[in-house]
Amino acid sequence: MPQLDTSTWFITILPMMISLFSLIQLKFYKYTYPANPTPASLKSTKQPTPWESKWTKIYSPLSLPLQ
């Protein structure tokens, strides 16, 4: 059974790795990244609700007087 000749593997694999690295670098180089986002000032506009200004009570049916 003949031996597998691996003497050319290094010569084949190394240029392949270099070319893949170069292609990936070119892909990243052509990509335009967005500018740094600036935080927007978030003003919390509080809506007045009618139940905040007065005391309210929720009546349970069991606590109501018998009729």
Protein backbone atom coordinates (compact mmCIF):
# COMPACT_ATOMS: atom_id res chain seq x y z
CA MET A 1 0.00 0.00 0.00
CA PRO A 2 1.56 3.33 -1.02
CA GLN A 3 2.26 6.03 1.53
CA LEU A 4 0.32 9.28 1.44
CA ASP A 5 2.59 12.07 0.28
CA THR A 6 2.12 14.98 2.69
CA SER A 7 5.10 17.04 1.58
CA THR A 8 2.94 19.50 -0.39
CA TRP A 9 0.31 19.97 2.28
CA PHE A 10 2.13 22.82 3.96
CA ILE A 11 2.61 24.59 0.63
CA THR A 12 -1.10 24.18 -0.10
CA ILE A 13 -2.55 25.00 3.33
CA LEU A 14 -0.43 28.07 4.12
CA PRO A 15 -1.42 30.10 1.01
CA MET A 16 -5.03 29.07 1.56
CA MET A 17 -4.93 30.42 5.13
CA ILE A 18 -3.26 33.63 4.01
CA SER A 19 -5.80 34.20 1.25
CA LEU A 20 -8.74 33.50 3.59
CA PHE A 21 -7.32 35.91 6.15
CA SER A 22 -6.86 38.56 3.47
CA LEU A 23 -10.40 38.13 2.16
CA ILE A 24 -11.88 38.40 5.63
CA GLN A 25 -9.81 41.51 6.32
CA LEU A 26 -11.04 43.09 3.09
CA LYS A 27 -14.64 42.29 4.00
CA PHE A 28 -14.23 43.99 7.38
CA TYR A 29 -12.40 46.93 5.83
CA LYS A 30 -15.23 47.65 3.40
CA TYR A 31 -17.88 47.51 6.11
CA THR A 32 -18.92 50.96 7.30
CA TYR A 33 -19.57 51.05 11.01
CA PRO A 34 -22.20 53.46 12.30
CA ALA A 35 -21.07 56.51 14.21
CA ASN A 36 -20.98 56.38 17.98
CA PRO A 37 -24.50 56.87 19.25
CA THR A 38 -25.07 59.76 21.62
CA PRO A 39 -27.42 59.21 24.53
CA ALA A 40 -30.64 61.07 24.05
CA SER A 41 -31.96 63.07 26.95
CA LEU A 42 -34.98 61.19 28.15
CA LYS A 43 -37.35 63.57 29.88
CA SER A 44 -39.92 61.65 31.83
CA THR A 45 -43.17 63.46 31.38
CA LYS A 46 -45.30 62.41 34.29
CA GLN A 47 -48.98 62.38 33.47
CA PRO A 48 -51.14 63.40 36.41
CA THR A 49 -53.62 60.72 37.27
CA PRO A 50 -56.82 61.41 39.17
CA TRP A 51 -56.13 58.83 41.87
CA GLU A 52 -52.80 60.33 42.89
CA SER A 53 -54.26 63.51 44.37
CA LYS A 54 -56.86 61.83 46.58
CA TRP A 55 -57.06 58.83 48.80
CA THR A 56 -59.00 55.94 47.35
CA LYS A 57 -60.15 52.70 48.84
CA ILE A 58 -61.17 49.55 47.03
CA TYR A 59 -64.05 47.88 48.76
CA SER A 60 -64.12 44.14 48.90
CA PRO A 61 -67.60 42.59 48.55
CA LEU A 62 -67.12 40.79 51.86
CA SER A 63 -66.39 44.03 53.76
CA LEU A 64 -69.54 45.82 52.58
CA PRO A 65 -72.41 46.02 55.06
CA LEU A 66 -75.23 43.54 54.65
CA GLN A 67 -78.31 44.81 52.93
